[in-house]
PDB file of N, CA and C in Angstrom:
ATOM      1  N   MET A   1    -162.760 -93.775 141.067  1.00  0.00           N
ATOM      2  CA  MET A   1    -164.115 -93.784 140.123  1.00  0.00           C
ATOM      3  C   MET A   1    -162.734 -92.921 138.936  1.00  0.00           C
ATOM      4  N   ASN A   2    -163.137 -93.373 137.874  1.00  0.00           N
ATOM      5  CA  ASN A   2    -161.669 -93.367 136.566  1.00  0.00           C
ATOM      6  C   ASN A   2    -162.744 -92.156 135.593  1.00  0.00           C
ATOM      7  N   LYS A   3    -163.069 -90.941 136.056  1.00  0.00           N
ATOM      8  CA  LYS A   3    -163.837 -89.998 134.891  1.00  0.00           C
ATOM      9  C   LYS A   3    -162.896 -89.629 133.770  1.00  0.00           C
ATOM     10  N   LYS A   4    -163.997 -89.290 132.656  1.00  0.00           N
ATOM     11  CA  LYS A   4    -163.057 -89.251 132.369  1.00  0.00           C
ATOM     12  C   LYS A   4    -163.906 -87.727 131.361  1.00  0.00           C
ATOM     13  N   LEU A   5    -163.347 -86.930 130.174  1.00  0.00           N
ATOM     14  CA  LEU A   5    -163.970 -86.123 129.861  1.00  0.00           C
ATOM     15  C   LEU A   5    -164.410 -85.975 128.064  1.00  0.00           C
ATOM     16  N   PHE A   6    -165.521 -86.018 127.857  1.00  0.00           N
ATOM     17  CA  PHE A   6    -165.881 -86.731 126.652  1.00  0.00           C
ATOM     18  C   PHE A   6    -166.927 -85.162 126.066  1.00  0.00           C
ATOM     19  N   ILE A   7    -167.169 -85.306 124.863  1.00  0.00           N
ATOM     20  CA  ILE A   7    -167.318 -84.369 123.477  1.00  0.00           C
ATOM     21  C   ILE A   7    -168.675 -84.517 122.889  1.00  0.00           C
ATOM     22  N   VAL A   8    -169.934 -84.483 122.960  1.00  0.00           N
ATOM     23  CA  VAL A   8    -170.965 -85.168 122.792  1.00  0.00           C
ATOM     24  C   VAL A   8    -171.461 -83.812 121.602  1.00  0.00           C
ATOM     25  N   GLU A   9    -171.459 -84.656 120.435  1.00  0.00           N
ATOM     26  CA  GLU A   9    -172.140 -83.698 119.566  1.00  0.00           C
ATOM     27  C   GLU A   9    -173.271 -84.320 119.060  1.00  0.00           C
ATOM     28  N   PHE A  10    -174.487 -83.297 118.326  1.00  0.00           N
ATOM     29  CA  PHE A  10    -175.534 -83.474 118.203  1.00  0.00           C
ATOM     30  C   PHE A  10    -176.025 -82.706 116.468  1.00  0.00           C
ATOM     31  N   GLY A  11    -176.882 -83.848 116.244  1.00  0.00           N
ATOM     32  CA  GLY A  11    -177.422 -83.677 114.374  1.00  0.00           C
ATOM     33  C   GLY A  11    -176.959 -84.367 113.696  1.00  0.00           C
ATOM     34  N   GLU A  12    -177.795 -84.265 112.445  1.00  0.00           N
ATOM     35  CA  GLU A  12    -177.420 -85.450 111.608  1.00  0.00           C
ATOM     36  C   GLU A  12    -176.543 -86.293 111.352  1.00  0.00           C
ATOM     37  N   PRO A  13    -176.147 -87.451 111.310  1.00  0.00           N
ATOM     38  CA  PRO A  13    -175.335 -88.143 110.517  1.00  0.00           C
ATOM     39  C   PRO A  13    -174.493 -87.413 109.445  1.00  0.00           C
ATOM     40  N   GLN A  14    -173.544 -86.956 108.721  1.00  0.00           N
ATOM     41  CA  GLN A  14    -172.578 -86.868 107.930  1.00  0.00           C
ATOM     42  C   GLN A  14    -172.214 -88.219 106.946  1.00  0.00           C
ATOM     43  N   ILE A  15    -172.387 -88.576 106.031  1.00  0.00           N
ATOM     44  CA  ILE A  15    -171.656 -89.436 105.290  1.00  0.00           C
ATOM     45  C   ILE A  15    -170.622 -88.932 104.340  1.00  0.00           C
ATOM     46  N   SER A  16    -171.243 -87.721 103.811  1.00  0.00           N
ATOM     47  CA  SER A  16    -170.569 -87.406 102.302  1.00  0.00           C
ATOM     48  C   SER A  16    -169.073 -86.944 103.019  1.00  0.00           C
ATOM     49  N   MET A  17    -168.088 -86.542 102.223  1.00  0.00           N
ATOM     50  CA  MET A  17    -167.206 -86.248 102.484  1.00  0.00           C
ATOM     51  C   MET A  17    -166.975 -84.647 102.354  1.00  0.00           C
ATOM     52  N   THR A  18    -167.795 -83.648 101.884  1.00  0.00           N
ATOM     53  CA  THR A  18    -168.008 -82.510 101.795  1.00  0.00           C
ATOM     54  C   THR A  18    -167.460 -82.005 103.133  1.00  0.00           C
ATOM     55  N   PHE A  19    -166.675 -80.753 103.466  1.00  0.00           N
ATOM     56  CA  PHE A  19    -166.836 -80.476 104.815  1.00  0.00           C
ATOM     57  C   PHE A  19    -167.619 -78.880 104.682  1.00  0.00           C
ATOM     58  N   SER A  20    -167.494 -79.104 106.347  1.00  0.00           N
ATOM     59  CA  SER A  20    -168.580 -78.660 106.657  1.00  0.00           C
ATOM     60  C   SER A  20    -168.633 -77.149 107.560  1.00  0.00           C
ATOM     61  N   PHE A  21    -168.305 -75.832 107.217  1.00  0.00           N
ATOM     62  CA  PHE A  21    -167.656 -74.898 108.181  1.00  0.00           C
ATOM     63  C   PHE A  21    -169.321 -74.231 109.434  1.00  0.00           C
ATOM     64  N   ALA A  22    -169.960 -74.907 109.287  1.00  0.00           N
ATOM     65  CA  ALA A  22    -170.632 -74.869 110.314  1.00  0.00           C
ATOM     66  C   ALA A  22    -170.974 -75.097 111.473  1.00  0.00           C
ATOM     67  N   PRO A  23    -170.776 -74.087 112.876  1.00  0.00           N
ATOM     68  CA  PRO A  23    -170.489 -74.956 113.611  1.00  0.00           C
ATOM     69  C   PRO A  23    -171.956 -76.234 114.134  1.00  0.00           C
ATOM     70  N   GLU A  24    -171.261 -77.349 114.996  1.00  0.00           N
ATOM     71  CA  GLU A  24    -172.384 -78.235 115.659  1.00  0.00           C
ATOM     72  C   GLU A  24    -172.696 -78.109 116.496  1.00  0.00           C
ATOM     73  N   PRO A  25    -173.775 -77.865 117.521  1.00  0.00           N
ATOM     74  CA  PRO A  25    -173.713 -77.850 118.980  1.00  0.00           C
ATOM     75  C   PRO A  25    -173.329 -79.532 119.491  1.00  0.00           C
ATOM     76  N   SER A  26    -172.433 -78.800 120.537  1.00  0.00           N
ATOM     77  CA  SER A  26    -171.570 -79.655 121.006  1.00  0.00           C
ATOM     78  C   SER A  26    -171.807 -79.859 122.861  1.00  0.00           C
ATOM     79  N   VAL A  27    -171.244 -80.910 123.621  1.00  0.00           N
ATOM     80  CA  VAL A  27    -171.879 -80.720 124.994  1.00  0.00           C
ATOM     81  C   VAL A  27    -170.470 -80.995 125.264  1.00  0.00           C
ATOM     82  N   PHE A  28    -169.494 -80.470 126.559  1.00  0.00           N
ATOM     83  CA  PHE A  28    -169.001 -81.692 127.511  1.00  0.00           C
ATOM     84  C   PHE A  28    -169.320 -81.992 128.425  1.00  0.00           C
ATOM     85  N   VAL A  29    -168.867 -83.584 128.361  1.00  0.00           N
ATOM     86  CA  VAL A  29    -169.295 -84.104 129.585  1.00  0.00           C
ATOM     87  C   VAL A  29    -168.492 -84.918 130.167  1.00  0.00           C
ATOM     88  N   VAL A  30    -168.392 -84.817 131.598  1.00  0.00           N
ATOM     89  CA  VAL A  30    -167.330 -85.826 132.217  1.00  0.00           C
ATOM     90  C   VAL A  30    -168.273 -86.945 133.124  1.00  0.00           C
ATOM     91  N   ALA A  31    -167.694 -87.977 132.752  1.00  0.00           N
ATOM     92  CA  ALA A  31    -168.488 -89.443 132.707  1.00  0.00           C
ATOM     93  C   ALA A  31    -166.991 -90.323 132.532  1.00  0.00           C
ATOM     94  N   GLU A  32    -167.703 -91.873 133.013  1.00  0.00           N
ATOM     95  CA  GLU A  32    -167.085 -93.200 133.019  1.00  0.00           C
ATOM     96  C   GLU A  32    -166.899 -93.385 132.288  1.00  0.00           C
ATOM     97  N   ASP A  33    -167.859 -94.029 131.074  1.00  0.00           N
ATOM     98  CA  ASP A  33    -167.791 -94.051 129.604  1.00  0.00           C
ATOM     99  C   ASP A  33    -168.518 -93.603 128.625  1.00  0.00           C
ATOM    100  N   TYR A  34    -168.840 -94.091 127.121  1.00  0.00           N
ATOM    101  CA  TYR A  34    -169.784 -93.407 125.990  1.00  0.00           C
ATOM    102  C   TYR A  34    -170.802 -93.312 126.741  1.00  0.00           C
ATOM    103  N   ASN A  35    -171.780 -94.382 126.792  1.00  0.00           N
ATOM    104  CA  ASN A  35    -172.876 -94.815 127.026  1.00  0.00           C
ATOM    105  C   ASN A  35    -173.450 -93.393 128.112  1.00  0.00           C
ATOM    106  N   GLU A  36    -172.340 -93.361 129.560  1.00  0.00           N
ATOM    107  CA  GLU A  36    -172.919 -92.135 130.266  1.00  0.00           C
ATOM    108  C   GLU A  36    -172.617 -91.046 129.915  1.00  0.00           C
ATOM    109  N   ALA A  37    -171.828 -90.673 129.163  1.00  0.00           N
ATOM    110  CA  ALA A  37    -171.817 -89.387 128.560  1.00  0.00           C
ATOM    111  C   ALA A  37    -172.835 -88.939 127.653  1.00  0.00           C
ATOM    112  N   ALA A  38    -173.346 -89.953 126.546  1.00  0.00           N
ATOM    113  CA  ALA A  38    -174.235 -90.045 125.678  1.00  0.00           C
ATOM    114  C   ALA A  38    -175.575 -89.432 126.757  1.00  0.00           C
ATOM    115  N   ALA A  39    -175.757 -90.180 127.803  1.00  0.00           N
ATOM    116  CA  ALA A  39    -177.315 -90.078 128.149  1.00  0.00           C
ATOM    117  C   ALA A  39    -176.914 -88.645 129.393  1.00  0.00           C
ATOM    118  N   LYS A  40    -175.911 -88.554 129.658  1.00  0.00           N
ATOM    119  CA  LYS A  40    -175.704 -87.019 130.578  1.00  0.00           C
ATOM    120  C   LYS A  40    -176.065 -86.053 129.827  1.00  0.00           C
ATOM    121  N   ALA A  41    -175.704 -86.102 128.611  1.00  0.00           N
ATOM    122  CA  ALA A  41    -175.683 -85.004 127.607  1.00  0.00           C
ATOM    123  C   ALA A  41    -177.396 -84.587 126.565  1.00  0.00           C
ATOM    124  N   LEU A  42    -177.665 -85.587 126.594  1.00  0.00           N
ATOM    125  CA  LEU A  42    -179.376 -85.852 126.113  1.00  0.00           C
ATOM    126  C   LEU A  42    -180.098 -85.280 127.327  1.00  0.00           C
ATOM    127  N   LYS A  43    -179.965 -85.860 128.480  1.00  0.00           N
ATOM    128  CA  LYS A  43    -180.834 -84.850 129.907  1.00  0.00           C
ATOM    129  C   LYS A  43    -180.585 -84.020 129.840  1.00  0.00           C
ATOM    130  N   TYR A  44    -179.200 -83.197 129.684  1.00  0.00           N
ATOM    131  CA  TYR A  44    -178.676 -81.996 130.045  1.00  0.00           C
ATOM    132  C   TYR A  44    -179.973 -81.034 128.789  1.00  0.00           C
ATOM    133  N   VAL A  45    -179.984 -81.287 127.615  1.00  0.00           N
ATOM    134  CA  VAL A  45    -180.162 -80.592 126.061  1.00  0.00           C
ATOM    135  C   VAL A  45    -182.047 -80.510 126.753  1.00  0.00           C
ATOM    136  N   LYS A  46    -182.282 -81.928 127.125  1.00  0.00           N
ATOM    137  CA  LYS A  46    -184.008 -81.645 127.272  1.00  0.00           C
ATOM    138  C   LYS A  46    -184.355 -80.947 128.185  1.00  0.00           C
ATOM    139  N   ASN A  47    -183.219 -80.845 129.217  1.00  0.00           N
ATOM    140  CA  ASN A  47    -183.611 -79.652 130.533  1.00  0.00           C
ATOM    141  C   ASN A  47    -184.042 -78.588 130.361  1.00  0.00           C
ATOM    142  N   LYS A  48    -183.086 -78.005 129.528  1.00  0.00           N
ATOM    143  CA  LYS A  48    -182.078 -76.662 128.888  1.00  0.00           C
ATOM    144  C   LYS A  48    -183.061 -76.640 128.270  1.00  0.00           C
ATOM    145  N   GLU A  49    -183.839 -77.378 127.194  1.00  0.00           N
ATOM    146  CA  GLU A  49    -185.255 -76.499 126.056  1.00  0.00           C
ATOM    147  C   GLU A  49    -186.418 -76.333 126.986  1.00  0.00           C
ATOM    148  N   ILE A  50    -186.882 -77.264 127.972  1.00  0.00           N
ATOM    149  CA  ILE A  50    -188.048 -76.212 129.283  1.00  0.00           C
ATOM    150  C   ILE A  50    -187.513 -75.352 129.194  1.00  0.00           C
ATOM    151  N   SER A  51    -185.942 -74.910 129.963  1.00  0.00           N
ATOM    152  CA  SER A  51    -186.476 -74.378 131.035  1.00  0.00           C
ATOM    153  C   SER A  51    -186.088 -72.715 130.406  1.00  0.00           C
ATOM    154  N   GLU A  52    -185.492 -72.799 129.089  1.00  0.00           N
ATOM    155  CA  GLU A  52    -185.450 -71.694 128.654  1.00  0.00           C
ATOM    156  C   GLU A  52    -186.150 -71.162 127.582  1.00  0.00           C
ATOM    157  N   PRO A  53    -186.885 -70.003 127.479  1.00  0.00           N
ATOM    158  CA  PRO A  53    -188.135 -69.269 126.876  1.00  0.00           C
ATOM    159  C   PRO A  53    -187.676 -69.309 125.656  1.00  0.00           C
ATOM    160  N   LYS A  54    -188.836 -69.436 124.948  1.00  0.00           N
ATOM    161  CA  LYS A  54    -188.338 -69.427 123.437  1.00  0.00           C
ATOM    162  C   LYS A  54    -189.541 -69.233 122.445  1.00  0.00           C
ATOM    163  N   ASN A  55    -189.191 -68.613 121.220  1.00  0.00           N
ATOM    164  CA  ASN A  55    -189.984 -67.823 120.224  1.00  0.00           C
ATOM    165  C   ASN A  55    -190.402 -68.943 119.202  1.00  0.00           C
ATOM    166  N   ILE A  56    -191.682 -68.645 119.373  1.00  0.00           N
ATOM    167  CA  ILE A  56    -192.738 -69.836 118.487  1.00  0.00           C
ATOM    168  C   ILE A  56    -192.676 -69.556 117.025  1.00  0.00           C
ATOM    169  N   PHE A  57    -192.707 -68.455 116.919  1.00  0.00           N
ATOM    170  CA  PHE A  57    -192.679 -68.119 115.143  1.00  0.00           C
ATOM    171  C   PHE A  57    -191.308 -68.159 114.505  1.00  0.00           C
ATOM    172  N   THR A  58    -191.495 -68.192 113.611  1.00  0.00           N
ATOM    173  CA  THR A  58    -190.473 -68.289 112.325  1.00  0.00           C
ATOM    174  C   THR A  58    -190.285 -66.912 112.122  1.00  0.00           C
ATOM    175  N   GLU A  59    -189.424 -66.498 111.283  1.00  0.00           N
ATOM    176  CA  GLU A  59    -189.247 -64.862 110.567  1.00  0.00           C
ATOM    177  C   GLU A  59    -190.541 -64.904 109.858  1.00  0.00           C
ATOM    178  N   ASP A  60    -191.526 -65.445 109.062  1.00  0.00           N
ATOM    179  CA  ASP A  60    -192.293 -65.262 108.664  1.00  0.00           C
ATOM    180  C   ASP A  60    -193.550 -65.044 109.672  1.00  0.00           C
ATOM    181  N   GLY A  61    -193.643 -65.288 110.614  1.00  0.00           N
ATOM    182  CA  GLY A  61    -194.728 -65.235 111.012  1.00  0.00           C
ATOM    183  C   GLY A  61    -195.369 -66.745 111.525  1.00  0.00           C
ATOM    184  N   SER A  62    -194.846 -67.341 110.899  1.00  0.00           N
ATOM    185  CA  SER A  62    -195.748 -69.068 110.975  1.00  0.00           C
ATOM    186  C   SER A  62    -194.951 -69.549 112.148  1.00  0.00           C
ATOM    187  N   LEU A  63    -196.027 -70.749 112.446  1.00  0.00           N
ATOM    188  CA  LEU A  63    -195.078 -71.629 113.455  1.00  0.00           C
ATOM    189  C   LEU A  63    -194.439 -71.942 113.837  1.00  0.00           C
ATOM    190  N   LYS A  64    -193.305 -72.561 114.469  1.00  0.00           N
ATOM    191  CA  LYS A  64    -192.342 -73.021 113.953  1.00  0.00           C
ATOM    192  C   LYS A  64    -192.758 -74.910 113.914  1.00  0.00           C
ATOM    193  N   LYS A  65    -192.113 -75.521 113.685  1.00  0.00           N
ATOM    194  CA  LYS A  65    -192.467 -77.059 113.155  1.00  0.00           C
ATOM    195  C   LYS A  65    -191.888 -78.147 114.857  1.00  0.00           C
ATOM    196  N   ASP A  66    -191.266 -77.430 115.515  1.00  0.00           N
ATOM    197  CA  ASP A  66    -191.170 -78.403 116.331  1.00  0.00           C
ATOM    198  C   ASP A  66    -191.596 -78.298 117.305  1.00  0.00           C
ATOM    199  N   VAL A  67    -192.719 -76.959 117.405  1.00  0.00           N
ATOM    200  CA  VAL A  67    -193.761 -76.605 118.497  1.00  0.00           C
ATOM    201  C   VAL A  67    -194.774 -77.188 118.125  1.00  0.00           C
ATOM    202  N   VAL A  68    -194.898 -77.229 116.488  1.00  0.00           N
ATOM    203  CA  VAL A  68    -196.552 -77.416 116.320  1.00  0.00           C
ATOM    204  C   VAL A  68    -196.372 -78.985 116.856  1.00  0.00           C
ATOM    205  N   SER A  69    -194.938 -79.689 116.136  1.00  0.00           N
ATOM    206  CA  SER A  69    -195.433 -81.386 116.520  1.00  0.00           C
ATOM    207  C   SER A  69    -195.313 -81.664 117.923  1.00  0.00           C
ATOM    208  N   GLY A  70    -194.990 -80.557 118.480  1.00  0.00           N
ATOM    209  CA  GLY A  70    -194.861 -81.308 120.072  1.00  0.00           C
ATOM    210  C   GLY A  70    -193.308 -80.862 120.775  1.00  0.00           C
ATOM    211  N   LYS A  71    -192.923 -82.201 121.056  1.00  0.00           N
ATOM    212  CA  LYS A  71    -191.197 -82.160 121.627  1.00  0.00           C
ATOM    213  C   LYS A  71    -190.064 -82.050 119.948  1.00  0.00           C
ATOM    214  N   LYS A  72    -188.964 -81.469 120.341  1.00  0.00           N
ATOM    215  CA  LYS A  72    -187.836 -81.764 119.561  1.00  0.00           C
ATOM    216  C   LYS A  72    -187.414 -82.770 119.240  1.00  0.00           C
ATOM    217  N   GLU A  73    -186.701 -83.534 118.902  1.00  0.00           N
ATOM    218  CA  GLU A  73    -185.881 -84.906 118.618  1.00  0.00           C
ATOM    219  C   GLU A  73    -184.540 -84.242 118.723  1.00  0.00           C
ATOM    220  N   TYR A  74    -183.498 -84.742 119.807  1.00  0.00           N
ATOM    221  CA  TYR A  74    -182.258 -84.451 119.655  1.00  0.00           C
ATOM    222  C   TYR A  74    -181.484 -85.886 119.189  1.00  0.00           C
ATOM    223  N   ASN A  75    -180.809 -85.857 117.988  1.00  0.00           N
ATOM    224  CA  ASN A  75    -179.675 -87.150 117.864  1.00  0.00           C
ATOM    225  C   ASN A  75    -178.263 -86.769 117.935  1.00  0.00           C
ATOM    226  N   VAL A  76    -177.698 -87.770 119.388  1.00  0.00           N
ATOM    227  CA  VAL A  76    -176.476 -88.191 118.765  1.00  0.00           C
ATOM    228  C   VAL A  76    -175.585 -88.248 117.849  1.00  0.00           C
ATOM    229  N   LYS A  77    -175.160 -87.174 117.644  1.00  0.00           N
ATOM    230  CA  LYS A  77    -174.062 -87.523 115.989  1.00  0.00           C
ATOM    231  C   LYS A  77    -172.778 -88.353 116.803  1.00  0.00           C
ATOM    232  N   ALA A  78    -171.845 -88.199 117.547  1.00  0.00           N
ATOM    233  CA  ALA A  78    -171.181 -88.420 117.969  1.00  0.00           C
ATOM    234  C   ALA A  78    -170.570 -87.846 119.448  1.00  0.00           C
ATOM    235  N   VAL A  79    -169.850 -88.978 120.261  1.00  0.00           N
ATOM    236  CA  VAL A  79    -169.351 -89.040 121.637  1.00  0.00           C
ATOM    237  C   VAL A  79    -167.775 -89.099 121.092  1.00  0.00           C
ATOM    238  N   ARG A  80    -167.046 -88.441 121.471  1.00  0.00           N
ATOM    239  CA  ARG A  80    -165.730 -88.616 121.390  1.00  0.00           C
ATOM    240  C   ARG A  80    -165.178 -87.964 122.770  1.00  0.00           C
ATOM    241  N   TYR A  81    -163.470 -89.367 122.677  1.00  0.00           N
ATOM    242  CA  TYR A  81    -162.715 -88.865 124.238  1.00  0.00           C
ATOM    243  C   TYR A  81    -162.324 -87.855 123.973  1.00  0.00           C
ATOM    244  N   ALA A  82    -161.730 -86.642 124.960  1.00  0.00           N
ATOM    245  CA  ALA A  82    -161.197 -86.123 124.780  1.00  0.00           C
ATOM    246  C   ALA A  82    -160.368 -85.850 126.232  1.00  0.00           C
ATOM    247  N   GLY A  83    -160.283 -86.449 127.062  1.00  0.00           N
ATOM    248  CA  GLY A  83    -159.192 -86.735 127.792  1.00  0.00           C
ATOM    249  C   GLY A  83    -159.375 -87.161 129.306  1.00  0.00           C
ATOM    250  N   GLU A  84    -158.640 -87.380 129.934  1.00  0.00           N
ATOM    251  CA  GLU A  84    -158.732 -87.500 131.592  1.00  0.00           C
ATOM    252  C   GLU A  84    -158.681 -86.362 132.155  1.00  0.00           C
ATOM    253  N   VAL A  85    -159.946 -86.887 133.357  1.00  0.00           N
ATOM    254  CA  VAL A  85    -160.221 -85.704 134.307  1.00  0.00           C
ATOM    255  C   VAL A  85    -159.807 -85.520 135.343  1.00  0.00           C
ATOM    256  N   ILE A  86    -158.604 -84.899 135.503  1.00  0.00           N
ATOM    257  CA  ILE A  86    -157.262 -84.521 137.029  1.00  0.00           C
ATOM    258  C   ILE A  86    -157.849 -84.678 138.254  1.00  0.00           C
ATOM    259  N   TRP A  87    -158.543 -83.412 137.973  1.00  0.00           N
ATOM    260  CA  TRP A  87    -159.018 -82.721 139.704  1.00  0.00           C
ATOM    261  C   TRP A  87    -160.480 -83.686 140.250  1.00  0.00           C
TER     262      TRP A  87
END
């Protein structure tokens, strides 16, 4: 089995050429290909969302949008190859 290290980023795709200094949420994944890396990362963030306690209110006291609508949608923005796994 040839395992590789991938970086999976979440968020909305950016088309503009402007620089953004805000950190993008990302996950490091060991997988055999890009599709497996994306699937593992999605499974991880969905499981993490279920297991972590959340604050359902915004700063002004109203309900958060993702709580009202049900589940939060995760979009894979990019899957990048980071290198071979040696060990």
